[in-house]
Every structure is written in C-alpha cells, then in structure tokens.
Amino acid sequence: MKYFRILFAIIISVLFITSCGSSDEADIKAVCQKQVDAINSENIQDVLSTLDETSPYFKSSEQIFTRIFEIFDLELTLDNLKINKVENGLAEVELTLTTKKKSGPEFSDNVAVSLNILKKTENGWKFVESRSKSMEPLKK
C-alpha cells in the first residue's frame, strides 16, 4: 500500500500533469491520450513531451517517471476526459484513469479522477498541473 500511495501522489503531481474550438478540443484530447500511451509504453521522452517545460514539476519528472518505470509495469486506461473550460490559453480538463499493475511490488489497482491544467504553447497543448479529485480501488 505504501508504494501505491507514493506512486499515485507522484503520478498526480507530475502529470501536470484558450479559445475553445474543435481543433483545440481535438488537440487537448490527443495530448491526454499521448501521455497515457507514453506511460504505458514507458517512453520517458514522450511523457516529457506532454509536459510544459516552464512547470515547476518538469525537471523532476524525468527522474520520477524513470524510477516508476523501473519499479512497476502499469497499464493506464483513459476512461473519461471532460474539458471543463478553455480560455486565455489554458484548459481545465478532468481525467478519469484506470491504473492496473502488470508487475512490480504491492499496488492497488484503482480508478482515479484528476483535475488538470493544460497550457497552449507554440508546440501544442502541455500539462502544467494536476490535482487529485478522487481515487477508488478496483473491486476484485
């Protein structure tokens, strides 16, 4: 359970993880899915490419994700994505993710909901910040 709590806190802290138009909405959905796919494939460069380099969490992200990838093999599924608002170059996005352990030490599979702030940059939408709203263990 200790690893689970640490891992969950790290993922939420790191996953930082605007005008609202269909293009913005599609781009926001794409970067959210890209981040999930990058975590699933344990591709640290792709994970970092979804994060805003000006975020205070950016520098530590590579070390944190590298360590997570060394300890666990996890499978994330993006169950729901709700764009709450898009204005002034920022988007507020609620993500519901299911996380299941494929291998590694003790871990509780779970469904977590997070509130994420994304920023529109010249390189597309990037995660700036993520906050946990809820987390429930999966029933076995």
N, C-alpha and C. Protein backbone atom coordinates (compact mmCIF):
# COMPACT_ATOMS: atom_id res chain seq x y z
N MET A 1 0.83 -1.19 0.00
CA MET A 1 0.00 0.00 0.00
C MET A 1 0.87 1.25 0.00
N LYS A 2 2.04 1.17 0.64
CA LYS A 2 2.94 2.31 0.69
C LYS A 2 3.36 2.72 -0.72
N TYR A 3 3.74 1.74 -1.55
CA TYR A 3 4.14 2.05 -2.92
C TYR A 3 2.99 2.65 -3.71
N PHE A 4 1.80 2.14 -3.47
CA PHE A 4 0.62 2.63 -4.18
C PHE A 4 0.39 4.11 -3.87
N ARG A 5 0.44 4.47 -2.62
CA ARG A 5 0.21 5.88 -2.24
C ARG A 5 1.29 6.78 -2.81
N ILE A 6 2.53 6.34 -2.72
CA ILE A 6 3.63 7.13 -3.26
C ILE A 6 3.48 7.28 -4.77
N LEU A 7 3.21 6.17 -5.43
CA LEU A 7 3.07 6.20 -6.88
C LEU A 7 1.92 7.10 -7.29
N PHE A 8 0.79 6.97 -6.65
CA PHE A 8 -0.36 7.79 -7.00
C PHE A 8 -0.04 9.27 -6.82
N ALA A 9 0.59 9.62 -5.71
CA ALA A 9 0.94 11.02 -5.46
C ALA A 9 1.92 11.53 -6.51
N ILE A 10 2.86 10.70 -6.89
CA ILE A 10 3.84 11.10 -7.90
C ILE A 10 3.18 11.31 -9.25
N ILE A 11 2.36 10.36 -9.66
CA ILE A 11 1.71 10.48 -10.97
C ILE A 11 0.85 11.73 -11.02
N ILE A 12 0.07 11.97 -9.99
CA ILE A 12 -0.79 13.15 -9.98
C ILE A 12 0.04 14.43 -9.96
N SER A 13 1.16 14.43 -9.22
CA SER A 13 1.99 15.63 -9.15
C SER A 13 2.71 15.91 -10.45
N VAL A 14 3.05 14.85 -11.15
CA VAL A 14 3.86 15.02 -12.35
C VAL A 14 3.03 15.24 -13.60
N LEU A 15 1.93 14.56 -13.53
CA LEU A 15 1.09 14.70 -14.72
C LEU A 15 0.55 16.12 -14.79
N PHE A 16 1.17 17.07 -14.97
CA PHE A 16 0.76 18.43 -14.88
C PHE A 16 -0.32 18.58 -15.90
N ILE A 17 1.19 17.41 -15.21
CA ILE A 17 0.09 16.57 -15.50
C ILE A 17 2.20 16.94 -14.48
N THR A 18 -7.60 30.21 -23.57
CA THR A 18 -7.58 29.43 -24.80
C THR A 18 -8.93 29.55 -25.43
N SER A 19 -8.81 29.60 -26.51
CA SER A 19 -10.10 29.67 -27.18
C SER A 19 -10.58 28.27 -27.42
N CYS A 20 -11.89 28.11 -27.25
CA CYS A 20 -12.43 26.77 -27.39
C CYS A 20 -12.93 26.58 -28.80
N GLY A 21 -12.26 25.75 -29.51
CA GLY A 21 -12.69 25.40 -30.86
C GLY A 21 -12.52 23.91 -31.01
N SER A 22 -13.08 23.40 -32.08
CA SER A 22 -13.00 21.95 -32.27
C SER A 22 -11.55 21.51 -32.40
N SER A 23 -10.69 22.34 -32.98
CA SER A 23 -9.28 21.99 -33.11
C SER A 23 -8.62 21.91 -31.74
N ASP A 24 -8.89 22.89 -30.88
CA ASP A 24 -8.33 22.85 -29.53
C ASP A 24 -8.81 21.62 -28.79
N GLU A 25 -10.09 21.32 -28.88
CA GLU A 25 -10.63 20.16 -28.18
C GLU A 25 -9.96 18.88 -28.66
N ALA A 26 -9.80 18.73 -29.96
CA ALA A 26 -9.14 17.54 -30.52
C ALA A 26 -7.69 17.47 -30.08
N ASP A 27 -7.01 18.62 -30.07
CA ASP A 27 -5.59 18.66 -29.67
C ASP A 27 -5.43 18.33 -28.19
N ILE A 28 -6.34 18.81 -27.36
CA ILE A 28 -6.30 18.52 -25.92
C ILE A 28 -6.52 17.03 -25.69
N LYS A 29 -7.50 16.46 -26.36
CA LYS A 29 -7.75 15.02 -26.23
C LYS A 29 -6.54 14.22 -26.69
N ALA A 30 -5.92 14.67 -27.77
CA ALA A 30 -4.76 13.95 -28.32
C ALA A 30 -3.58 13.96 -27.35
N VAL A 31 -3.31 15.09 -26.71
CA VAL A 31 -2.16 15.14 -25.80
C VAL A 31 -2.43 14.32 -24.54
N CYS A 32 -3.68 14.28 -24.10
CA CYS A 32 -4.02 13.45 -22.94
C CYS A 32 -3.81 11.97 -23.27
N GLN A 33 -4.27 11.56 -24.44
CA GLN A 33 -4.08 10.16 -24.84
C GLN A 33 -2.60 9.86 -25.08
N LYS A 34 -1.87 10.83 -25.64
CA LYS A 34 -0.43 10.64 -25.87
C LYS A 34 0.28 10.38 -24.55
N GLN A 35 -0.10 11.11 -23.51
CA GLN A 35 0.55 10.92 -22.22
C GLN A 35 0.26 9.53 -21.66
N VAL A 36 -0.98 9.10 -21.76
CA VAL A 36 -1.35 7.75 -21.29
C VAL A 36 -0.56 6.70 -22.07
N ASP A 37 -0.51 6.85 -23.39
CA ASP A 37 0.22 5.89 -24.22
C ASP A 37 1.71 5.88 -23.88
N ALA A 38 2.27 7.05 -23.63
CA ALA A 38 3.70 7.14 -23.29
C ALA A 38 3.99 6.46 -21.96
N ILE A 39 3.10 6.62 -21.00
CA ILE A 39 3.29 5.95 -19.70
C ILE A 39 3.17 4.44 -19.89
N ASN A 40 2.19 4.01 -20.67
CA ASN A 40 2.01 2.58 -20.91
C ASN A 40 3.22 1.95 -21.61
N SER A 41 3.82 2.68 -22.53
CA SER A 41 4.99 2.15 -23.24
C SER A 41 6.30 2.48 -22.53
N GLU A 42 6.19 3.18 -21.40
CA GLU A 42 7.34 3.58 -20.59
C GLU A 42 8.36 4.37 -21.41
N ASN A 43 7.85 5.28 -22.23
CA ASN A 43 8.68 6.13 -23.07
C ASN A 43 8.82 7.49 -22.40
N ILE A 44 9.93 7.67 -21.71
CA ILE A 44 10.13 8.88 -20.90
C ILE A 44 10.14 10.14 -21.76
N GLN A 45 10.72 10.09 -22.94
CA GLN A 45 10.77 11.28 -23.80
C GLN A 45 9.37 11.69 -24.25
N ASP A 46 8.53 10.71 -24.57
CA ASP A 46 7.16 11.04 -24.95
C ASP A 46 6.36 11.58 -23.77
N VAL A 47 6.60 11.05 -22.57
CA VAL A 47 5.93 11.59 -21.38
C VAL A 47 6.33 13.05 -21.21
N LEU A 48 7.63 13.32 -21.26
CA LEU A 48 8.11 14.69 -21.06
C LEU A 48 7.60 15.63 -22.15
N SER A 49 7.38 15.12 -23.35
CA SER A 49 6.90 15.98 -24.43
C SER A 49 5.47 16.46 -24.21
N THR A 50 4.76 15.84 -23.26
CA THR A 50 3.39 16.27 -22.95
C THR A 50 3.34 17.29 -21.82
N LEU A 51 4.49 17.57 -21.21
CA LEU A 51 4.56 18.48 -20.07
C LEU A 51 5.10 19.83 -20.48
N ASP A 52 4.59 20.89 -19.86
CA ASP A 52 5.08 22.24 -20.10
C ASP A 52 6.43 22.41 -19.42
N GLU A 53 7.43 22.80 -20.20
CA GLU A 53 8.78 22.95 -19.67
C GLU A 53 8.91 24.03 -18.62
N THR A 54 7.94 24.96 -18.55
CA THR A 54 8.00 26.02 -17.54
C THR A 54 7.35 25.61 -16.22
N SER A 55 6.75 24.43 -16.20
CA SER A 55 6.12 23.95 -14.98
C SER A 55 7.18 23.68 -13.91
N PRO A 56 6.89 24.00 -12.66
CA PRO A 56 7.87 23.72 -11.60
C PRO A 56 8.13 22.22 -11.41
N TYR A 57 7.28 21.36 -11.95
CA TYR A 57 7.44 19.92 -11.82
C TYR A 57 8.22 19.29 -12.97
N PHE A 58 8.53 20.07 -13.97
CA PHE A 58 9.11 19.49 -15.19
C PHE A 58 10.47 18.82 -14.92
N LYS A 59 11.36 19.51 -14.23
CA LYS A 59 12.73 19.00 -14.05
C LYS A 59 12.77 17.67 -13.31
N SER A 60 11.92 17.50 -12.33
CA SER A 60 11.93 16.26 -11.55
C SER A 60 11.17 15.13 -12.24
N SER A 61 10.42 15.45 -13.26
CA SER A 61 9.57 14.45 -13.90
C SER A 61 10.36 13.30 -14.51
N GLU A 62 11.46 13.60 -15.17
CA GLU A 62 12.25 12.54 -15.80
C GLU A 62 12.74 11.53 -14.76
N GLN A 63 13.25 12.01 -13.64
CA GLN A 63 13.74 11.12 -12.58
C GLN A 63 12.58 10.32 -11.98
N ILE A 64 11.48 10.97 -11.74
CA ILE A 64 10.35 10.30 -11.10
C ILE A 64 9.79 9.21 -12.01
N PHE A 65 9.54 9.56 -13.27
CA PHE A 65 9.00 8.55 -14.18
C PHE A 65 9.99 7.43 -14.45
N THR A 66 11.26 7.76 -14.55
CA THR A 66 12.27 6.71 -14.73
C THR A 66 12.20 5.73 -13.58
N ARG A 67 12.09 6.23 -12.39
CA ARG A 67 12.01 5.36 -11.20
C ARG A 67 10.72 4.53 -11.20
N ILE A 68 9.61 5.16 -11.53
CA ILE A 68 8.34 4.42 -11.61
C ILE A 68 8.46 3.29 -12.63
N PHE A 69 9.03 3.59 -13.78
CA PHE A 69 9.16 2.58 -14.82
C PHE A 69 10.10 1.44 -14.41
N GLU A 70 11.08 1.74 -13.56
CA GLU A 70 11.97 0.70 -13.05
C GLU A 70 11.25 -0.22 -12.08
N ILE A 71 10.35 0.33 -11.28
CA ILE A 71 9.70 -0.43 -10.21
C ILE A 71 8.45 -1.16 -10.69
N PHE A 72 7.65 -0.51 -11.51
CA PHE A 72 6.34 -1.04 -11.90
C PHE A 72 6.23 -1.19 -13.41
N ASP A 73 5.36 -2.09 -13.80
CA ASP A 73 4.84 -2.13 -15.16
C ASP A 73 3.34 -1.93 -14.98
N LEU A 74 2.86 -0.75 -15.36
CA LEU A 74 1.47 -0.39 -15.15
C LEU A 74 0.75 -0.24 -16.49
N GLU A 75 -0.54 -0.44 -16.43
CA GLU A 75 -1.38 -0.22 -17.59
C GLU A 75 -2.43 0.82 -17.23
N LEU A 76 -2.39 1.95 -17.90
CA LEU A 76 -3.36 3.02 -17.70
C LEU A 76 -4.37 3.00 -18.83
N THR A 77 -5.61 3.26 -18.47
CA THR A 77 -6.67 3.40 -19.46
C THR A 77 -7.36 4.72 -19.22
N LEU A 78 -7.49 5.52 -20.26
CA LEU A 78 -8.20 6.78 -20.16
C LEU A 78 -9.69 6.48 -20.34
N ASP A 79 -10.41 6.48 -19.22
CA ASP A 79 -11.83 6.12 -19.22
C ASP A 79 -12.73 7.28 -19.62
N ASN A 80 -12.34 8.48 -19.19
CA ASN A 80 -13.18 9.65 -19.48
C ASN A 80 -12.32 10.89 -19.49
N LEU A 81 -12.66 11.80 -20.39
CA LEU A 81 -11.99 13.08 -20.50
C LEU A 81 -13.08 14.13 -20.65
N LYS A 82 -13.09 15.07 -19.73
CA LYS A 82 -14.10 16.14 -19.77
C LYS A 82 -13.38 17.48 -19.76
N ILE A 83 -13.57 18.24 -20.81
CA ILE A 83 -12.98 19.58 -20.88
C ILE A 83 -13.97 20.53 -20.21
N ASN A 84 -13.59 21.02 -19.04
CA ASN A 84 -14.48 21.91 -18.28
C ASN A 84 -14.52 23.31 -18.86
N LYS A 85 -13.35 23.82 -19.25
CA LYS A 85 -13.31 25.16 -19.85
C LYS A 85 -12.00 25.35 -20.59
N VAL A 86 -12.07 26.22 -21.57
CA VAL A 86 -10.90 26.61 -22.35
C VAL A 86 -10.98 28.11 -22.54
N GLU A 87 -9.98 28.82 -21.98
CA GLU A 87 -9.96 30.27 -22.15
C GLU A 87 -8.58 30.82 -21.84
N ASN A 88 -8.22 31.87 -22.54
CA ASN A 88 -6.96 32.57 -22.32
C ASN A 88 -5.75 31.65 -22.39
N GLY A 89 -5.77 30.69 -23.30
CA GLY A 89 -4.61 29.81 -23.47
C GLY A 89 -4.48 28.72 -22.43
N LEU A 90 -5.49 28.54 -21.58
CA LEU A 90 -5.47 27.50 -20.56
C LEU A 90 -6.72 26.63 -20.70
N ALA A 91 -6.55 25.37 -20.38
CA ALA A 91 -7.70 24.45 -20.40
C ALA A 91 -7.75 23.72 -19.06
N GLU A 92 -8.96 23.55 -18.55
CA GLU A 92 -9.19 22.76 -17.34
C GLU A 92 -9.84 21.46 -17.80
N VAL A 93 -9.15 20.35 -17.52
CA VAL A 93 -9.59 19.06 -18.02
C VAL A 93 -9.66 18.06 -16.88
N GLU A 94 -10.79 17.38 -16.79
CA GLU A 94 -10.96 16.32 -15.79
C GLU A 94 -10.72 14.97 -16.48
N LEU A 95 -9.79 14.21 -15.94
CA LEU A 95 -9.47 12.90 -16.49
C LEU A 95 -9.85 11.81 -15.50
N THR A 96 -10.42 10.74 -16.01
CA THR A 96 -10.67 9.55 -15.22
C THR A 96 -9.79 8.45 -15.81
N LEU A 97 -8.89 7.93 -14.98
CA LEU A 97 -7.92 6.92 -15.41
C LEU A 97 -8.04 5.67 -14.56
N THR A 98 -8.01 4.53 -15.21
CA THR A 98 -7.90 3.26 -14.50
C THR A 98 -6.45 2.82 -14.60
N THR A 99 -5.87 2.47 -13.46
CA THR A 99 -4.48 2.01 -13.41
C THR A 99 -4.46 0.60 -12.85
N LYS A 100 -3.83 -0.29 -13.62
CA LYS A 100 -3.68 -1.68 -13.19
C LYS A 100 -2.21 -2.06 -13.24
N LYS A 101 -1.79 -2.78 -12.21
CA LYS A 101 -0.41 -3.25 -12.15
C LYS A 101 -0.28 -4.51 -12.99
N LYS A 102 0.72 -4.50 -13.87
CA LYS A 102 1.06 -5.70 -14.63
C LYS A 102 2.17 -6.47 -13.92
N SER A 103 3.10 -5.72 -13.31
CA SER A 103 4.14 -6.34 -12.50
C SER A 103 4.75 -5.29 -11.58
N GLY A 104 5.40 -5.78 -10.51
CA GLY A 104 6.02 -4.88 -9.55
C GLY A 104 5.56 -5.19 -8.15
N PRO A 105 6.03 -4.42 -7.17
CA PRO A 105 5.65 -4.64 -5.77
C PRO A 105 4.18 -4.32 -5.52
N GLU A 106 3.79 -4.42 -4.28
CA GLU A 106 2.40 -4.21 -3.88
C GLU A 106 1.84 -2.92 -4.48
N PHE A 107 0.65 -3.05 -5.03
CA PHE A 107 -0.01 -1.91 -5.67
C PHE A 107 -1.50 -2.21 -5.74
N SER A 108 -2.33 -1.24 -5.46
CA SER A 108 -3.78 -1.41 -5.56
C SER A 108 -4.26 -0.83 -6.88
N ASP A 109 -4.79 -1.70 -7.74
CA ASP A 109 -5.40 -1.21 -8.97
C ASP A 109 -6.49 -0.22 -8.58
N ASN A 110 -6.67 0.83 -9.40
CA ASN A 110 -7.59 1.89 -8.99
C ASN A 110 -8.16 2.66 -10.16
N VAL A 111 -9.19 3.41 -9.85
CA VAL A 111 -9.75 4.40 -10.76
C VAL A 111 -9.57 5.75 -10.08
N ALA A 112 -8.91 6.66 -10.77
CA ALA A 112 -8.62 7.97 -10.20
C ALA A 112 -9.16 9.07 -11.11
N VAL A 113 -9.63 10.12 -10.48
CA VAL A 113 -10.09 11.30 -11.20
C VAL A 113 -9.17 12.44 -10.82
N SER A 114 -8.68 13.14 -11.83
CA SER A 114 -7.80 14.28 -11.57
C SER A 114 -8.28 15.50 -12.34
N LEU A 115 -7.99 16.67 -11.80
CA LEU A 115 -8.27 17.93 -12.45
C LEU A 115 -6.93 18.46 -12.96
N ASN A 116 -6.85 18.70 -14.25
CA ASN A 116 -5.59 19.06 -14.90
C ASN A 116 -5.69 20.41 -15.57
N ILE A 117 -4.60 21.15 -15.50
CA ILE A 117 -4.50 22.42 -16.20
C ILE A 117 -3.50 22.22 -17.33
N LEU A 118 -3.94 22.53 -18.55
CA LEU A 118 -3.08 22.46 -19.71
C LEU A 118 -2.92 23.87 -20.27
N LYS A 119 -1.76 24.11 -20.87
CA LYS A 119 -1.45 25.42 -21.44
C LYS A 119 -1.17 25.25 -22.93
N LYS A 120 -1.70 26.16 -23.72
CA LYS A 120 -1.44 26.14 -25.16
C LYS A 120 -0.10 26.83 -25.41
N THR A 121 0.83 26.09 -25.98
CA THR A 121 2.16 26.62 -26.29
C THR A 121 2.35 26.60 -27.80
N GLU A 122 3.46 27.12 -28.25
CA GLU A 122 3.74 27.08 -29.70
C GLU A 122 3.94 25.65 -30.18
N ASN A 123 4.19 24.73 -29.24
CA ASN A 123 4.36 23.31 -29.57
C ASN A 123 3.11 22.49 -29.24
N GLY A 124 1.99 23.14 -29.04
CA GLY A 124 0.75 22.45 -28.75
C GLY A 124 0.38 22.53 -27.27
N TRP A 125 -0.63 21.79 -26.89
CA TRP A 125 -1.11 21.77 -25.51
C TRP A 125 -0.18 20.95 -24.64
N LYS A 126 0.11 21.48 -23.44
CA LYS A 126 1.01 20.81 -22.50
C LYS A 126 0.41 20.83 -21.10
N PHE A 127 0.65 19.75 -20.35
CA PHE A 127 0.21 19.69 -18.96
C PHE A 127 1.07 20.62 -18.11
N VAL A 128 0.41 21.40 -17.27
CA VAL A 128 1.10 22.32 -16.35
C VAL A 128 0.96 21.83 -14.92
N GLU A 129 -0.24 21.34 -14.60
CA GLU A 129 -0.53 20.97 -13.21
C GLU A 129 -1.64 19.93 -13.17
N SER A 130 -1.59 19.06 -12.17
CA SER A 130 -2.65 18.07 -11.96
C SER A 130 -2.94 17.96 -10.47
N ARG A 131 -4.22 17.82 -10.16
CA ARG A 131 -4.63 17.63 -8.77
C ARG A 131 -5.60 16.46 -8.70
N SER A 132 -5.43 15.66 -7.67
CA SER A 132 -6.31 14.51 -7.47
C SER A 132 -7.66 14.98 -6.95
N LYS A 133 -8.73 14.45 -7.55
CA LYS A 133 -10.08 14.70 -7.04
C LYS A 133 -10.58 13.50 -6.25
N SER A 134 -10.28 12.31 -6.75
CA SER A 134 -10.72 11.11 -6.06
C SER A 134 -9.91 9.91 -6.56
N MET A 135 -9.95 8.85 -5.75
CA MET A 135 -9.31 7.61 -6.12
C MET A 135 -10.02 6.49 -5.40
N GLU A 136 -10.41 5.48 -6.15
CA GLU A 136 -11.10 4.33 -5.59
C GLU A 136 -10.40 3.06 -6.04
N PRO A 137 -10.15 2.14 -5.11
CA PRO A 137 -9.57 0.87 -5.52
C PRO A 137 -10.56 0.09 -6.40
N LEU A 138 -10.02 -0.65 -7.34
CA LEU A 138 -10.89 -1.51 -8.15
C LEU A 138 -11.32 -2.69 -7.34
N LYS A 139 -12.56 -3.06 -7.54
CA LYS A 139 -13.07 -4.24 -6.84
C LYS A 139 -12.60 -5.47 -7.59
N LYS A 140 -12.16 -6.46 -6.82
CA LYS A 140 -11.65 -7.68 -7.45
C LYS A 140 -12.70 -8.74 -7.50
